């Protein structure tokens, strides 16, 4: 009788262990969280977007020194007065930042825009001639996702 009890327990345990599955840790369908080293591109308000030009300036915003970056889908220079597609206020500090990073995405076909806060950027380098950074913006509510690297001139 004791043997039947042990055999039954063993069979039940074997059945339980064999029916367990190991979950696949594949991130298919999950949002991308890594900053890309490819050129900055993606979608803005559902339309394909690739950075072609941009400008940057030092700025004091709410008492903090930032680098204001304006990104465009056309070539621009420091005399440009057109509205940018993406505006980012980068911390003046090399490294990866998420908290407190602000900016906006502007709809290229209207005056609509979406303010951005707390998205992922990496300030790779900056000096008095240019700024290089990587950015990841994912805003499904406005069908916008961009990820990649850009270098833009510094404008006085």
Protein backbone atom coordinates (compact mmCIF):
# COMPACT_ATOMS: atom_id res chain seq x y z
CA UNK A 1 0.00 0.00 0.00
CA UNK A 2 2.87 2.32 0.84
CA UNK A 3 4.44 1.65 -2.56
CA UNK A 4 1.21 2.56 -4.37
CA UNK A 5 1.10 5.85 -2.45
CA UNK A 6 4.71 6.66 -3.45
CA UNK A 7 4.16 5.62 -7.07
CA UNK A 8 0.97 7.71 -7.28
CA UNK A 9 2.74 10.73 -5.77
CA UNK A 10 5.65 10.29 -8.18
CA UNK A 11 3.32 10.04 -11.19
CA UNK A 12 1.39 13.14 -10.11
CA UNK A 13 4.59 15.13 -9.60
CA UNK A 14 5.97 13.94 -12.94
CA UNK A 15 2.72 14.97 -14.63
CA UNK A 16 2.82 18.43 -13.00
CA UNK A 17 6.44 19.07 -14.00
CA UNK A 18 5.95 17.82 -17.55
CA UNK A 19 2.89 20.02 -18.07
CA UNK A 20 4.73 23.21 -17.08
CA UNK A 21 6.00 25.33 -19.93
CA UNK A 22 8.86 27.73 -20.06
CA UNK A 23 7.71 31.14 -21.22
CA UNK A 24 9.42 32.52 -24.26
CA UNK A 25 11.29 35.70 -23.32
CA UNK A 26 11.22 36.87 -26.91
CA UNK A 27 10.12 40.51 -27.03
CA UNK A 28 8.11 40.27 -30.26
CA UNK A 29 5.48 42.97 -30.13
CA UNK A 30 7.04 44.74 -27.15
CA UNK A 31 8.16 48.33 -27.60
CA UNK A 32 11.79 48.88 -28.53
CA UNK A 33 13.71 50.27 -25.58
CA UNK A 34 17.22 50.48 -27.01
CA UNK A 35 18.64 53.60 -28.61
CA UNK A 36 19.63 52.93 -32.22
CA UNK A 37 22.93 53.90 -33.80
CA UNK A 38 21.22 54.13 -37.22
CA UNK A 39 20.20 57.55 -38.58
CA UNK A 40 17.13 58.97 -36.83
CA UNK A 41 13.97 57.85 -38.62
CA UNK A 42 10.54 56.41 -38.03
CA UNK A 43 6.99 57.71 -38.23
CA UNK A 44 5.51 61.04 -37.17
CA UNK A 45 1.72 61.22 -37.10
CA UNK A 46 1.66 58.06 -39.23
CA UNK A 47 3.95 59.41 -41.96
CA UNK A 48 7.49 58.21 -42.65
CA UNK A 49 10.09 60.57 -41.23
CA UNK A 50 13.86 60.74 -41.68
CA UNK A 51 15.97 63.54 -40.26
CA UNK A 52 17.63 65.43 -43.10
CA UNK A 53 18.56 68.65 -41.32
CA UNK A 54 18.47 70.38 -37.99
CA UNK A 55 19.86 73.08 -35.74
CA UNK A 56 20.81 73.44 -32.09
CA UNK A 57 21.29 76.29 -29.62
CA UNK A 58 22.14 76.71 -25.97
CA UNK A 59 19.08 77.87 -24.05
CA UNK A 60 17.98 78.47 -20.48
CA UNK A 61 14.59 76.83 -19.91
CA UNK A 62 12.84 77.09 -16.54
CA UNK A 63 16.17 77.90 -14.90
CA UNK A 64 17.98 74.93 -16.47
CA UNK A 65 20.64 75.15 -19.16
CA UNK A 66 19.65 72.92 -22.08
CA UNK A 67 20.51 72.35 -25.72
CA UNK A 68 17.45 73.06 -27.90
CA UNK A 69 17.52 70.80 -30.96
CA UNK A 70 15.17 71.32 -33.90
CA UNK A 71 14.93 68.43 -36.39
CA UNK A 72 13.53 68.63 -39.93
CA UNK A 73 12.78 66.36 -42.87
CA UNK A 74 14.48 68.89 -45.18
CA UNK A 75 17.94 70.44 -45.23
CA UNK A 76 18.09 73.64 -43.14
CA UNK A 77 20.69 76.07 -41.86
CA UNK A 78 20.88 78.43 -38.90
CA UNK A 79 18.78 81.08 -40.69
CA UNK A 80 15.77 78.74 -41.01
CA UNK A 81 12.48 80.04 -39.56
CA UNK A 82 10.22 77.09 -40.45
CA UNK A 83 8.56 74.97 -37.77
CA UNK A 84 10.52 71.85 -36.95
CA UNK A 85 9.01 68.37 -37.02
CA UNK A 86 10.68 67.40 -33.73
CA UNK A 87 11.91 69.72 -31.00
CA UNK A 88 14.02 68.34 -28.12
CA UNK A 89 15.49 70.04 -25.06
CA UNK A 90 18.61 68.03 -24.22
CA UNK A 91 20.41 68.24 -20.89
CA UNK A 92 23.87 69.80 -21.22
CA UNK A 93 25.44 66.61 -19.96
CA UNK A 94 26.93 63.64 -21.82
CA UNK A 95 25.05 60.40 -21.10
CA UNK A 96 21.64 58.72 -21.24
CA UNK A 97 18.70 60.70 -19.88
CA UNK A 98 14.98 59.96 -19.48
CA UNK A 99 13.59 61.95 -16.57
CA UNK A 100 12.98 65.60 -17.30
CA UNK A 101 13.69 65.43 -21.04
CA UNK A 102 11.13 67.58 -22.86
CA UNK A 103 10.20 68.41 -26.43
CA UNK A 104 7.43 68.19 -28.99
CA UNK A 105 6.39 66.39 -32.17
CA UNK A 106 4.65 68.57 -34.74
CA UNK A 107 2.22 67.20 -37.32
CA UNK A 108 3.80 67.96 -40.72
CA UNK A 109 0.33 68.41 -42.28
CA UNK A 110 -1.34 70.69 -39.74
CA UNK A 111 -0.73 72.87 -36.72
CA UNK A 112 -1.29 69.94 -34.32
CA UNK A 113 1.52 68.99 -31.99
CA UNK A 114 2.16 66.71 -29.04
CA UNK A 115 4.23 67.85 -26.08
CA UNK A 116 6.73 65.25 -24.93
CA UNK A 117 8.19 64.58 -21.52
CA UNK A 118 10.39 61.82 -20.11
CA UNK A 119 11.51 60.07 -23.28
CA UNK A 120 14.90 58.44 -23.79
CA UNK A 121 17.87 60.38 -25.18
CA UNK A 122 21.62 60.00 -25.11
CA UNK A 123 23.76 63.07 -25.50
CA UNK A 124 26.80 61.60 -27.25
CA UNK A 125 28.77 64.83 -27.69
CA UNK A 126 28.34 68.58 -27.95
CA UNK A 127 30.59 71.57 -28.49
CA UNK A 128 30.34 75.03 -30.05
CA UNK A 129 30.05 73.61 -33.60
CA UNK A 130 27.70 70.58 -33.39
CA UNK A 131 25.58 68.26 -31.25
CA UNK A 132 25.37 64.48 -31.63
CA UNK A 133 22.65 62.56 -29.82
CA UNK A 134 20.48 59.47 -30.00
CA UNK A 135 16.75 59.58 -29.30
CA UNK A 136 13.88 57.13 -28.83
CA UNK A 137 10.35 58.52 -28.90
CA UNK A 138 7.38 56.13 -28.86
CA UNK A 139 3.92 57.74 -28.77
CA UNK A 140 1.31 55.27 -30.09
CA UNK A 141 -1.51 57.72 -29.26
CA UNK A 142 -0.38 59.93 -32.16
CA UNK A 143 1.03 57.11 -34.30
CA UNK A 144 4.59 58.36 -33.81
CA UNK A 145 7.78 56.39 -33.26
CA UNK A 146 11.32 57.57 -34.02
CA UNK A 147 14.63 56.05 -33.01
CA UNK A 148 18.19 56.78 -34.07
CA UNK A 149 21.19 59.07 -34.09
CA UNK A 150 21.57 62.60 -35.41
CA UNK A 151 24.25 65.27 -35.63
CA UNK A 152 23.20 68.88 -36.15
CA UNK A 153 25.18 72.13 -36.29
CA UNK A 154 25.30 74.47 -33.33
CA UNK A 155 23.91 77.92 -34.19
CA UNK A 156 24.96 81.07 -32.34
